Amino acid sequence: MSHLAVFRQIPAILEAQKILIFASISSLFAVFGRLVRGVTTGGAIAGAVVCFVLLCSAGLRGFAALFTVFAFTWVATHIGYARKQRLGTAEARAGRNTLQVLANLGTAAGCAAVYTQFPNPRIFVAMAAALAEAAADTVSSEIGQAMGRVPRLITSWREVARGTNGAITGIGTAAGAIAAVAVAFVFFAFGDFGRVSLLVVAFSGTAGMFADSFLGATIEGRRGIGNNAINFFSTVFAAIVAFLIVP
């Protein structure tokens, strides 16, 4: 084989090595998530697929953002766990299952996949917003149930029981907004976008969190619409808002 032929094969070799590295990172992330009981076995597999797609689309910054979502939701889930058990609102100790993982992260993975083929910056920001919403929604719910005072229904502002669909608390809402900002800041720190896009992602993620509560109060439980569907719709809402308003 000539030196020229070897030179021409270098890009393919490097691409194969990158894919192998991304697959390894995704596998290790899935194993870690399972070991700390953040996800079930099925949830770990789904998380590995999402992780791989994000890595292929956004590189290590995509992984960093995904890990931020996982860390925030894992910590929030375990805060006040005994209290949540008494209320009957605690997540299963085995972790979130396949459908829960896909409901929260499927939109971000879809945006990432589209971005690899159509590298429009708006799609990238939409992906970031979907991740921000996933973090905000889960953190707000978990912290609200663990530490919040009497929750209020978002549509009528009347006091309701903990765990009621569409109920929000002040501390839960604040914690969710912080989680959205944290995810947005990861992309900002990697230099993916400027301050305006950071604000757009944080705003869209928080808006999606409120949309989740509104949908929970109005349509969840009707015609077979469950929490997973509401979570998915909310991430789609956040992605669309970010796509439309980012300059």
C-alpha atoms as a PDB file:
ATOM      1  CA  MET A   1       0.000   0.000   0.000  1.00  0.00           C
ATOM      2  CA  SER A   2       1.386   3.411  -0.976  1.00  0.00           C
ATOM      3  CA  HIS A   3       1.977   6.205   1.500  1.00  0.00           C
ATOM      4  CA  LEU A   4      -0.746   8.222  -0.263  1.00  0.00           C
ATOM      5  CA  ALA A   5      -3.309   5.435   0.285  1.00  0.00           C
ATOM      6  CA  VAL A   6      -2.426   5.246   3.966  1.00  0.00           C
ATOM      7  CA  PHE A   7      -2.789   9.013   4.264  1.00  0.00           C
ATOM      8  CA  ARG A   8      -6.239   8.877   2.706  1.00  0.00           C
ATOM      9  CA  GLN A   9      -7.372   6.314   5.311  1.00  0.00           C
ATOM     10  CA  ILE A  10      -6.432   8.501   8.272  1.00  0.00           C
ATOM     11  CA  PRO A  11      -9.793  10.367   8.490  1.00  0.00           C
ATOM     12  CA  ALA A  12     -11.714   7.067   8.512  1.00  0.00           C
ATOM     13  CA  ILE A  13      -9.407   5.654  11.183  1.00  0.00           C
ATOM     14  CA  LEU A  14      -9.800   8.741  13.349  1.00  0.00           C
ATOM     15  CA  GLU A  15     -13.587   8.636  12.919  1.00  0.00           C
ATOM     16  CA  ALA A  16     -13.690   4.982  13.976  1.00  0.00           C
ATOM     17  CA  GLN A  17     -11.579   5.769  17.029  1.00  0.00           C
ATOM     18  CA  LYS A  18     -13.907   8.638  17.959  1.00  0.00           C
ATOM     19  CA  ILE A  19     -16.966   6.406  17.678  1.00  0.00           C
ATOM     20  CA  LEU A  20     -15.263   3.777  19.853  1.00  0.00           C
ATOM     21  CA  ILE A  21     -14.418   6.390  22.483  1.00  0.00           C
ATOM     22  CA  PHE A  22     -17.966   7.762  22.474  1.00  0.00           C
ATOM     23  CA  ALA A  23     -19.400   4.251  22.767  1.00  0.00           C
ATOM     24  CA  SER A  24     -17.094   3.548  25.713  1.00  0.00           C
ATOM     25  CA  ILE A  25     -18.070   6.773  27.488  1.00  0.00           C
ATOM     26  CA  SER A  26     -21.762   6.028  26.920  1.00  0.00           C
ATOM     27  CA  SER A  27     -21.384   2.503  28.280  1.00  0.00           C
ATOM     28  CA  LEU A  28     -19.523   3.685  31.372  1.00  0.00           C
ATOM     29  CA  PHE A  29     -22.162   6.355  31.958  1.00  0.00           C
ATOM     30  CA  ALA A  30     -24.897   3.726  31.745  1.00  0.00           C
ATOM     31  CA  VAL A  31     -23.083   1.435  34.180  1.00  0.00           C
ATOM     32  CA  PHE A  32     -22.542   4.321  36.580  1.00  0.00           C
ATOM     33  CA  GLY A  33     -26.208   5.309  36.404  1.00  0.00           C
ATOM     34  CA  ARG A  34     -27.247   1.743  37.160  1.00  0.00           C
ATOM     35  CA  LEU A  35     -24.765   1.342  40.027  1.00  0.00           C
ATOM     36  CA  VAL A  36     -26.038   4.428  41.814  1.00  0.00           C
ATOM     37  CA  ARG A  37     -29.621   3.307  41.142  1.00  0.00           C
ATOM     38  CA  GLY A  38     -30.442   6.352  39.104  1.00  0.00           C
ATOM     39  CA  VAL A  39     -31.957   4.166  36.387  1.00  0.00           C
ATOM     40  CA  THR A  40     -33.133   0.615  35.858  1.00  0.00           C
ATOM     41  CA  THR A  41     -31.294  -1.684  33.459  1.00  0.00           C
ATOM     42  CA  GLY A  42     -33.610  -0.663  30.641  1.00  0.00           C
ATOM     43  CA  GLY A  43     -33.231   2.970  31.627  1.00  0.00           C
ATOM     44  CA  ALA A  44     -29.450   2.594  31.577  1.00  0.00           C
ATOM     45  CA  ILE A  45     -29.546   1.221  28.032  1.00  0.00           C
ATOM     46  CA  ALA A  46     -31.798   4.064  26.906  1.00  0.00           C
ATOM     47  CA  GLY A  47     -29.498   6.537  28.636  1.00  0.00           C
ATOM     48  CA  ALA A  48     -26.483   5.059  26.874  1.00  0.00           C
ATOM     49  CA  VAL A  49     -28.146   5.558  23.488  1.00  0.00           C
ATOM     50  CA  VAL A  50     -29.039   9.166  24.325  1.00  0.00           C
ATOM     51  CA  CYS A  51     -25.521   9.774  25.607  1.00  0.00           C
ATOM     52  CA  PHE A  52     -23.974   8.391  22.407  1.00  0.00           C
ATOM     53  CA  VAL A  53     -26.195  10.559  20.200  1.00  0.00           C
ATOM     54  CA  LEU A  54     -25.341  13.665  22.217  1.00  0.00           C
ATOM     55  CA  LEU A  55     -21.632  12.875  22.071  1.00  0.00           C
ATOM     56  CA  CYS A  56     -21.737  12.397  18.312  1.00  0.00           C
ATOM     57  CA  SER A  57     -23.609  15.672  17.901  1.00  0.00           C
ATOM     58  CA  ALA A  58     -22.166  17.942  20.596  1.00  0.00           C
ATOM     59  CA  GLY A  59     -19.032  16.151  21.746  1.00  0.00           C
ATOM     60  CA  LEU A  60     -17.924  16.279  25.365  1.00  0.00           C
ATOM     61  CA  ARG A  61     -20.042  19.378  26.024  1.00  0.00           C
ATOM     62  CA  GLY A  62     -23.123  17.293  25.227  1.00  0.00           C
ATOM     63  CA  PHE A  63     -21.978  14.663  27.710  1.00  0.00           C
ATOM     64  CA  ALA A  64     -21.234  17.344  30.320  1.00  0.00           C
ATOM     65  CA  ALA A  65     -24.745  18.750  29.959  1.00  0.00           C
ATOM     66  CA  LEU A  66     -26.314  15.293  30.158  1.00  0.00           C
ATOM     67  CA  PHE A  67     -24.282  14.459  33.258  1.00  0.00           C
ATOM     68  CA  THR A  68     -25.414  17.755  34.798  1.00  0.00           C
ATOM     69  CA  VAL A  69     -29.039  16.760  34.207  1.00  0.00           C
ATOM     70  CA  PHE A  70     -28.388  13.340  35.741  1.00  0.00           C
ATOM     71  CA  ALA A  71     -26.555  14.766  38.771  1.00  0.00           C
ATOM     72  CA  PHE A  72     -29.229  17.347  39.555  1.00  0.00           C
ATOM     73  CA  THR A  73     -32.089  14.875  39.185  1.00  0.00           C
ATOM     74  CA  TRP A  74     -30.318  12.138  41.177  1.00  0.00           C
ATOM     75  CA  VAL A  75     -29.562  14.445  44.089  1.00  0.00           C
ATOM     76  CA  ALA A  76     -33.049  15.973  44.034  1.00  0.00           C
ATOM     77  CA  THR A  77     -34.659  12.532  43.956  1.00  0.00           C
ATOM     78  CA  HIS A  78     -32.779  11.441  47.087  1.00  0.00           C
ATOM     79  CA  ILE A  79     -33.435  14.597  49.097  1.00  0.00           C
ATOM     80  CA  GLY A  80     -36.260  13.920  51.545  1.00  0.00           C
ATOM     81  CA  TYR A  81     -36.769  10.418  50.157  1.00  0.00           C
ATOM     82  CA  ALA A  82     -38.315   9.105  53.395  1.00  0.00           C
ATOM     83  CA  ARG A  83     -40.856  11.912  53.360  1.00  0.00           C
ATOM     84  CA  LYS A  84     -41.741  11.195  49.742  1.00  0.00           C
ATOM     85  CA  GLN A  85     -42.232   7.534  50.608  1.00  0.00           C
ATOM     86  CA  ARG A  86     -44.739   8.476  53.299  1.00  0.00           C
ATOM     87  CA  LEU A  87     -46.555  10.640  50.782  1.00  0.00           C
ATOM     88  CA  GLY A  88     -46.485   7.881  48.178  1.00  0.00           C
ATOM     89  CA  THR A  89     -44.689  10.090  45.637  1.00  0.00           C
ATOM     90  CA  ALA A  90     -41.166   8.663  45.830  1.00  0.00           C
ATOM     91  CA  GLU A  91     -39.478   7.260  42.733  1.00  0.00           C
ATOM     92  CA  ALA A  92     -38.789   3.526  42.721  1.00  0.00           C
ATOM     93  CA  ARG A  93     -35.500   2.662  44.418  1.00  0.00           C
ATOM     94  CA  ALA A  94     -34.380   0.883  41.248  1.00  0.00           C
ATOM     95  CA  GLY A  95     -34.354   4.219  39.431  1.00  0.00           C
ATOM     96  CA  ARG A  96     -36.124   5.640  36.398  1.00  0.00           C
ATOM     97  CA  ASN A  97     -37.152   3.171  33.722  1.00  0.00           C
ATOM     98  CA  THR A  98     -36.788   3.180  29.948  1.00  0.00           C
ATOM     99  CA  LEU A  99     -39.926   5.177  29.209  1.00  0.00           C
ATOM    100  CA  GLN A 100     -39.109   7.769  31.846  1.00  0.00           C
ATOM    101  CA  VAL A 101     -35.606   8.253  30.427  1.00  0.00           C
ATOM    102  CA  LEU A 102     -36.867   8.579  26.865  1.00  0.00           C
ATOM    103  CA  ALA A 103     -39.717  10.877  27.903  1.00  0.00           C
ATOM    104  CA  ASN A 104     -37.263  13.274  29.505  1.00  0.00           C
ATOM    105  CA  LEU A 105     -34.328  12.967  27.105  1.00  0.00           C
ATOM    106  CA  GLY A 106     -35.846  11.829  23.821  1.00  0.00           C
ATOM    107  CA  THR A 107     -36.425  15.359  22.524  1.00  0.00           C
ATOM    108  CA  ALA A 108     -32.837  16.383  23.203  1.00  0.00           C
ATOM    109  CA  ALA A 109     -31.570  13.236  21.477  1.00  0.00           C
ATOM    110  CA  GLY A 110     -33.846  13.900  18.506  1.00  0.00           C
ATOM    111  CA  CYS A 111     -32.589  17.483  18.181  1.00  0.00           C
ATOM    112  CA  ALA A 112     -29.012  16.225  18.436  1.00  0.00           C
ATOM    113  CA  ALA A 113     -29.583  13.674  15.673  1.00  0.00           C
ATOM    114  CA  VAL A 114     -31.102  16.331  13.409  1.00  0.00           C
ATOM    115  CA  TYR A 115     -28.236  18.708  14.199  1.00  0.00           C
ATOM    116  CA  THR A 116     -25.666  16.209  12.910  1.00  0.00           C
ATOM    117  CA  GLN A 117     -27.335  16.377   9.488  1.00  0.00           C
ATOM    118  CA  PHE A 118     -28.444  20.018   9.549  1.00  0.00           C
ATOM    119  CA  PRO A 119     -25.997  21.985  11.731  1.00  0.00           C
ATOM    120  CA  ASN A 120     -28.300  24.939  12.318  1.00  0.00           C
ATOM    121  CA  PRO A 121     -27.375  26.799  15.551  1.00  0.00           C
ATOM    122  CA  ARG A 122     -31.083  27.093  16.389  1.00  0.00           C
ATOM    123  CA  ILE A 123     -31.374  23.309  16.528  1.00  0.00           C
ATOM    124  CA  PHE A 124     -28.388  23.164  18.860  1.00  0.00           C
ATOM    125  CA  VAL A 125     -29.998  25.709  21.196  1.00  0.00           C
ATOM    126  CA  ALA A 126     -33.273  23.743  21.041  1.00  0.00           C
ATOM    127  CA  MET A 127     -31.383  20.621  22.115  1.00  0.00           C
ATOM    128  CA  ALA A 128     -29.875  22.495  25.059  1.00  0.00           C
ATOM    129  CA  ALA A 129     -33.301  23.837  26.037  1.00  0.00           C
ATOM    130  CA  ALA A 130     -34.804  20.340  26.042  1.00  0.00           C
ATOM    131  CA  LEU A 131     -32.071  19.196  28.429  1.00  0.00           C
ATOM    132  CA  ALA A 132     -32.602  22.265  30.611  1.00  0.00           C
ATOM    133  CA  GLU A 133     -36.331  21.513  30.834  1.00  0.00           C
ATOM    134  CA  ALA A 134     -35.695  17.886  31.749  1.00  0.00           C
ATOM    135  CA  ALA A 135     -33.539  19.004  34.659  1.00  0.00           C
ATOM    136  CA  ALA A 136     -35.877  21.803  35.725  1.00  0.00           C
ATOM    137  CA  ASP A 137     -39.021  19.684  35.702  1.00  0.00           C
ATOM    138  CA  THR A 138     -37.632  16.797  37.730  1.00  0.00           C
ATOM    139  CA  VAL A 139     -35.767  18.969  40.228  1.00  0.00           C
ATOM    140  CA  SER A 140     -38.771  21.236  40.825  1.00  0.00           C
ATOM    141  CA  SER A 141     -41.033  18.264  41.473  1.00  0.00           C
ATOM    142  CA  GLU A 142     -38.630  16.387  43.725  1.00  0.00           C
ATOM    143  CA  ILE A 143     -37.540  19.404  45.785  1.00  0.00           C
ATOM    144  CA  GLY A 144     -41.086  20.679  46.049  1.00  0.00           C
ATOM    145  CA  GLN A 145     -42.283  17.373  47.464  1.00  0.00           C
ATOM    146  CA  ALA A 146     -39.330  17.096  49.819  1.00  0.00           C
ATOM    147  CA  MET A 147     -39.062  20.650  51.128  1.00  0.00           C
ATOM    148  CA  GLY A 148     -41.969  22.704  49.856  1.00  0.00           C
ATOM    149  CA  ARG A 149     -44.859  24.051  51.857  1.00  0.00           C
ATOM    150  CA  VAL A 150     -48.476  23.453  50.858  1.00  0.00           C
ATOM    151  CA  PRO A 151     -48.491  23.239  47.048  1.00  0.00           C
ATOM    152  CA  ARG A 152     -50.882  25.204  44.869  1.00  0.00           C
ATOM    153  CA  LEU A 153     -52.504  24.219  41.604  1.00  0.00           C
ATOM    154  CA  ILE A 154     -50.985  26.270  38.792  1.00  0.00           C
ATOM    155  CA  THR A 155     -54.329  26.848  37.043  1.00  0.00           C
ATOM    156  CA  SER A 156     -56.372  28.063  40.023  1.00  0.00           C
ATOM    157  CA  TRP A 157     -53.781  28.753  42.726  1.00  0.00           C
ATOM    158  CA  ARG A 158     -55.834  26.824  45.278  1.00  0.00           C
ATOM    159  CA  GLU A 159     -54.084  24.677  47.863  1.00  0.00           C
ATOM    160  CA  VAL A 160     -53.943  20.989  46.967  1.00  0.00           C
ATOM    161  CA  ALA A 161     -52.431  17.803  48.339  1.00  0.00           C
ATOM    162  CA  ARG A 162     -48.779  16.983  47.677  1.00  0.00           C
ATOM    163  CA  GLY A 163     -48.284  14.960  44.533  1.00  0.00           C
ATOM    164  CA  THR A 164     -51.314  16.485  42.802  1.00  0.00           C
ATOM    165  CA  ASN A 165     -50.807  16.845  39.056  1.00  0.00           C
ATOM    166  CA  GLY A 166     -50.049  20.460  38.196  1.00  0.00           C
ATOM    167  CA  ALA A 167     -49.189  21.501  41.762  1.00  0.00           C
ATOM    168  CA  ILE A 168     -46.207  23.776  42.345  1.00  0.00           C
ATOM    169  CA  THR A 169     -44.300  25.201  45.322  1.00  0.00           C
ATOM    170  CA  GLY A 170     -42.069  28.227  45.635  1.00  0.00           C
ATOM    171  CA  ILE A 171     -38.931  26.350  46.610  1.00  0.00           C
ATOM    172  CA  GLY A 172     -39.511  23.674  43.988  1.00  0.00           C
ATOM    173  CA  THR A 173     -39.940  26.272  41.255  1.00  0.00           C
ATOM    174  CA  ALA A 174     -36.790  28.108  42.330  1.00  0.00           C
ATOM    175  CA  ALA A 175     -34.787  24.877  42.417  1.00  0.00           C
ATOM    176  CA  GLY A 176     -36.034  23.926  38.958  1.00  0.00           C
ATOM    177  CA  ALA A 177     -35.041  27.308  37.531  1.00  0.00           C
ATOM    178  CA  ILE A 178     -31.564  26.919  39.036  1.00  0.00           C
ATOM    179  CA  ALA A 179     -31.232  23.506  37.380  1.00  0.00           C
ATOM    180  CA  ALA A 180     -32.215  25.004  34.007  1.00  0.00           C
ATOM    181  CA  VAL A 181     -29.617  27.751  34.413  1.00  0.00           C
ATOM    182  CA  ALA A 182     -26.965  25.187  35.346  1.00  0.00           C
ATOM    183  CA  VAL A 183     -27.538  23.172  32.161  1.00  0.00           C
ATOM    184  CA  ALA A 184     -27.497  26.349  30.063  1.00  0.00           C
ATOM    185  CA  PHE A 185     -24.264  27.452  31.727  1.00  0.00           C
ATOM    186  CA  VAL A 186     -22.534  24.194  30.763  1.00  0.00           C
ATOM    187  CA  PHE A 187     -22.950  25.024  27.087  1.00  0.00           C
ATOM    188  CA  PHE A 188     -21.963  28.641  27.746  1.00  0.00           C
ATOM    189  CA  ALA A 189     -18.811  27.502  29.576  1.00  0.00           C
ATOM    190  CA  PHE A 190     -17.810  25.346  26.602  1.00  0.00           C
ATOM    191  CA  GLY A 191     -18.140  28.385  24.362  1.00  0.00           C
ATOM    192  CA  ASP A 192     -21.025  26.997  22.315  1.00  0.00           C
ATOM    193  CA  PHE A 193     -23.044  30.180  22.515  1.00  0.00           C
ATOM    194  CA  GLY A 194     -23.075  33.615  24.103  1.00  0.00           C
ATOM    195  CA  ARG A 195     -25.018  35.221  26.897  1.00  0.00           C
ATOM    196  CA  VAL A 196     -28.171  35.723  24.860  1.00  0.00           C
ATOM    197  CA  SER A 197     -28.413  32.034  24.006  1.00  0.00           C
ATOM    198  CA  LEU A 198     -27.641  31.164  27.629  1.00  0.00           C
ATOM    199  CA  LEU A 199     -30.624  33.259  28.711  1.00  0.00           C
ATOM    200  CA  VAL A 200     -32.788  31.732  25.966  1.00  0.00           C
ATOM    201  CA  VAL A 201     -31.983  28.185  27.099  1.00  0.00           C
ATOM    202  CA  ALA A 202     -32.529  29.004  30.772  1.00  0.00           C
ATOM    203  CA  PHE A 203     -35.800  30.793  29.980  1.00  0.00           C
ATOM    204  CA  SER A 204     -37.063  28.043  27.652  1.00  0.00           C
ATOM    205  CA  GLY A 205     -36.191  25.305  30.138  1.00  0.00           C
ATOM    206  CA  THR A 206     -38.030  27.153  32.899  1.00  0.00           C
ATOM    207  CA  ALA A 207     -40.984  27.874  30.605  1.00  0.00           C
ATOM    208  CA  GLY A 208     -41.145  24.164  29.802  1.00  0.00           C
ATOM    209  CA  MET A 209     -41.250  23.426  33.520  1.00  0.00           C
ATOM    210  CA  PHE A 210     -44.338  25.640  33.882  1.00  0.00           C
ATOM    211  CA  ALA A 211     -45.843  24.070  30.762  1.00  0.00           C
ATOM    212  CA  ASP A 212     -45.396  20.671  32.385  1.00  0.00           C
ATOM    213  CA  SER A 213     -47.343  21.816  35.442  1.00  0.00           C
ATOM    214  CA  PHE A 214     -50.081  23.362  33.303  1.00  0.00           C
ATOM    215  CA  LEU A 215     -50.451  20.210  31.207  1.00  0.00           C
ATOM    216  CA  GLY A 216     -50.404  18.125  34.355  1.00  0.00           C
ATOM    217  CA  ALA A 217     -53.264  20.159  35.800  1.00  0.00           C
ATOM    218  CA  THR A 218     -55.352  20.143  32.623  1.00  0.00           C
ATOM    219  CA  ILE A 219     -54.889  16.963  30.597  1.00  0.00           C
ATOM    220  CA  GLU A 220     -52.843  14.437  32.583  1.00  0.00           C
ATOM    221  CA  GLY A 221     -54.895  11.379  33.403  1.00  0.00           C
ATOM    222  CA  ARG A 222     -57.352  11.976  30.582  1.00  0.00           C
ATOM    223  CA  ARG A 223     -57.582   9.670  27.584  1.00  0.00           C
ATOM    224  CA  GLY A 224     -54.600   7.686  28.766  1.00  0.00           C
ATOM    225  CA  ILE A 225     -52.236  10.656  28.941  1.00  0.00           C
ATOM    226  CA  GLY A 226     -49.734   9.832  31.661  1.00  0.00           C
ATOM    227  CA  ASN A 227     -46.791  11.569  33.254  1.00  0.00           C
ATOM    228  CA  ASN A 228     -44.320  10.311  30.653  1.00  0.00           C
ATOM    229  CA  ALA A 229     -46.337  11.888  27.860  1.00  0.00           C
ATOM    230  CA  ILE A 230     -46.559  15.163  29.785  1.00  0.00           C
ATOM    231  CA  ASN A 231     -42.796  15.163  30.332  1.00  0.00           C
ATOM    232  CA  PHE A 232     -42.175  14.557  26.641  1.00  0.00           C
ATOM    233  CA  PHE A 233     -44.572  17.308  25.536  1.00  0.00           C
ATOM    234  CA  SER A 234     -42.874  19.718  27.929  1.00  0.00           C
ATOM    235  CA  THR A 235     -39.397  19.091  26.539  1.00  0.00           C
ATOM    236  CA  VAL A 236     -40.788  19.556  23.017  1.00  0.00           C
ATOM    237  CA  PHE A 237     -42.356  22.836  24.138  1.00  0.00           C
ATOM    238  CA  ALA A 238     -39.036  24.068  25.568  1.00  0.00           C
ATOM    239  CA  ALA A 239     -37.174  23.110  22.392  1.00  0.00           C
ATOM    240  CA  ILE A 240     -39.713  24.897  20.174  1.00  0.00           C
ATOM    241  CA  VAL A 241     -39.650  28.055  22.311  1.00  0.00           C
ATOM    242  CA  ALA A 242     -35.858  28.184  22.190  1.00  0.00           C
ATOM    243  CA  PHE A 243     -35.785  27.518  18.441  1.00  0.00           C
ATOM    244  CA  LEU A 244     -38.239  30.347  17.776  1.00  0.00           C
ATOM    245  CA  ILE A 245     -36.846  33.062  20.045  1.00  0.00           C
ATOM    246  CA  VAL A 246     -33.086  32.608  19.789  1.00  0.00           C
ATOM    247  CA  PRO A 247     -31.599  35.359  17.576  1.00  0.00           C
END
